[in-house]
Amino acid sequence: MSNTQKFIILIGALIILIGLLWPYISKIPLFRLPGDIVVDKPNFKLFIPITSMIIISVLLTLFFWIIRKFFN
């Protein structure tokens, strides 16, 4: 099996998994976590999702680490 076929199968399995878990994923309060900075003043709103971006970074790092292990 070639690397392209493995990659397409992995992406398909990931899409199916996300689809099955979507009711639970949508309830995660991402971008509303403690540590996310929100400044809301009249005519000005600043939103800096620090905690959410750290969590997304860790998840993406794990995902790409698994993909690298899968293809080597």
C-alpha atoms as a PDB file:
ATOM      1  CA  MET A   1       0.000   0.000   0.000  1.00  0.00           C
ATOM      2  CA  SER A   2       1.460   3.373  -0.982  1.00  0.00           C
ATOM      3  CA  ASN A   3       1.809   6.393   1.291  1.00  0.00           C
ATOM      4  CA  THR A   4      -0.894   8.263  -0.615  1.00  0.00           C
ATOM      5  CA  GLN A   5      -3.389   5.461  -0.011  1.00  0.00           C
ATOM      6  CA  LYS A   6      -2.533   5.353   3.689  1.00  0.00           C
ATOM      7  CA  PHE A   7      -2.946   9.126   3.938  1.00  0.00           C
ATOM      8  CA  ILE A   8      -6.359   9.085   2.228  1.00  0.00           C
ATOM      9  CA  ILE A   9      -7.547   6.244   4.491  1.00  0.00           C
ATOM     10  CA  LEU A  10      -6.309   8.125   7.566  1.00  0.00           C
ATOM     11  CA  ILE A  11      -8.078  11.342   6.529  1.00  0.00           C
ATOM     12  CA  GLY A  12     -11.300   9.396   5.828  1.00  0.00           C
ATOM     13  CA  ALA A  13     -11.168   7.674   9.210  1.00  0.00           C
ATOM     14  CA  LEU A  14     -10.539  11.023  10.883  1.00  0.00           C
ATOM     15  CA  ILE A  15     -13.550  12.608   9.140  1.00  0.00           C
ATOM     16  CA  ILE A  16     -15.772   9.683  10.192  1.00  0.00           C
ATOM     17  CA  LEU A  17     -14.512   9.927  13.783  1.00  0.00           C
ATOM     18  CA  ILE A  18     -15.165  13.670  13.916  1.00  0.00           C
ATOM     19  CA  GLY A  19     -18.636  13.120  12.449  1.00  0.00           C
ATOM     20  CA  LEU A  20     -19.496  10.515  15.074  1.00  0.00           C
ATOM     21  CA  LEU A  21     -18.158  12.626  17.930  1.00  0.00           C
ATOM     22  CA  TRP A  22     -19.562  15.959  16.693  1.00  0.00           C
ATOM     23  CA  PRO A  23     -22.435  16.158  19.244  1.00  0.00           C
ATOM     24  CA  TYR A  24     -19.828  15.982  22.021  1.00  0.00           C
ATOM     25  CA  ILE A  25     -17.195  18.121  20.286  1.00  0.00           C
ATOM     26  CA  SER A  26     -19.637  20.983  19.733  1.00  0.00           C
ATOM     27  CA  LYS A  27     -20.260  21.221  23.495  1.00  0.00           C
ATOM     28  CA  ILE A  28     -16.572  21.838  24.294  1.00  0.00           C
ATOM     29  CA  PRO A  29     -16.280  25.463  25.426  1.00  0.00           C
ATOM     30  CA  LEU A  30     -13.333  26.181  23.142  1.00  0.00           C
ATOM     31  CA  PHE A  31     -12.585  29.923  22.834  1.00  0.00           C
ATOM     32  CA  ARG A  32     -14.454  30.525  26.103  1.00  0.00           C
ATOM     33  CA  LEU A  33     -11.890  29.015  28.479  1.00  0.00           C
ATOM     34  CA  PRO A  34     -10.299  30.592  31.534  1.00  0.00           C
ATOM     35  CA  GLY A  35      -7.173  32.336  30.295  1.00  0.00           C
ATOM     36  CA  ASP A  36      -8.781  33.609  27.098  1.00  0.00           C
ATOM     37  CA  ILE A  37      -8.587  37.390  27.264  1.00  0.00           C
ATOM     38  CA  VAL A  38     -11.678  39.417  26.361  1.00  0.00           C
ATOM     39  CA  VAL A  39     -11.770  43.214  26.566  1.00  0.00           C
ATOM     40  CA  ASP A  40     -15.250  44.498  25.765  1.00  0.00           C
ATOM     41  CA  LYS A  41     -15.690  48.278  25.778  1.00  0.00           C
ATOM     42  CA  PRO A  42     -18.030  50.526  23.837  1.00  0.00           C
ATOM     43  CA  ASN A  43     -16.988  50.567  20.160  1.00  0.00           C
ATOM     44  CA  PHE A  44     -14.084  48.209  20.880  1.00  0.00           C
ATOM     45  CA  LYS A  45     -13.772  44.464  21.424  1.00  0.00           C
ATOM     46  CA  LEU A  46     -10.469  42.618  21.817  1.00  0.00           C
ATOM     47  CA  PHE A  47     -10.364  38.832  22.020  1.00  0.00           C
ATOM     48  CA  ILE A  48      -7.101  36.900  22.560  1.00  0.00           C
ATOM     49  CA  PRO A  49      -7.714  33.132  22.931  1.00  0.00           C
ATOM     50  CA  ILE A  50      -4.411  32.210  24.638  1.00  0.00           C
ATOM     51  CA  THR A  51      -5.564  29.044  26.442  1.00  0.00           C
ATOM     52  CA  SER A  52      -7.559  27.792  23.476  1.00  0.00           C
ATOM     53  CA  MET A  53      -4.610  28.252  21.117  1.00  0.00           C
ATOM     54  CA  ILE A  54      -2.304  26.317  23.481  1.00  0.00           C
ATOM     55  CA  ILE A  55      -4.768  23.410  23.553  1.00  0.00           C
ATOM     56  CA  ILE A  56      -5.153  23.453  19.750  1.00  0.00           C
ATOM     57  CA  SER A  57      -1.360  23.570  19.365  1.00  0.00           C
ATOM     58  CA  VAL A  58      -0.897  20.517  21.594  1.00  0.00           C
ATOM     59  CA  LEU A  59      -3.603  18.576  19.737  1.00  0.00           C
ATOM     60  CA  LEU A  60      -2.133  19.421  16.321  1.00  0.00           C
ATOM     61  CA  THR A  61       1.354  18.481  17.521  1.00  0.00           C
ATOM     62  CA  LEU A  62       0.066  15.080  18.664  1.00  0.00           C
ATOM     63  CA  PHE A  63      -1.833  14.602  15.397  1.00  0.00           C
ATOM     64  CA  PHE A  64       1.201  15.316  13.222  1.00  0.00           C
ATOM     65  CA  TRP A  65       3.414  13.179  15.466  1.00  0.00           C
ATOM     66  CA  ILE A  66       1.021  10.242  14.965  1.00  0.00           C
ATOM     67  CA  ILE A  67       0.956  10.822  11.198  1.00  0.00           C
ATOM     68  CA  ARG A  68       4.767  10.867  11.091  1.00  0.00           C
ATOM     69  CA  LYS A  69       4.892   7.591  13.059  1.00  0.00           C
ATOM     70  CA  PHE A  70       2.256   6.072  10.750  1.00  0.00           C
ATOM     71  CA  PHE A  71       4.182   6.844   7.548  1.00  0.00           C
ATOM     72  CA  ASN A  72       7.670   5.850   8.750  1.00  0.00           C
END
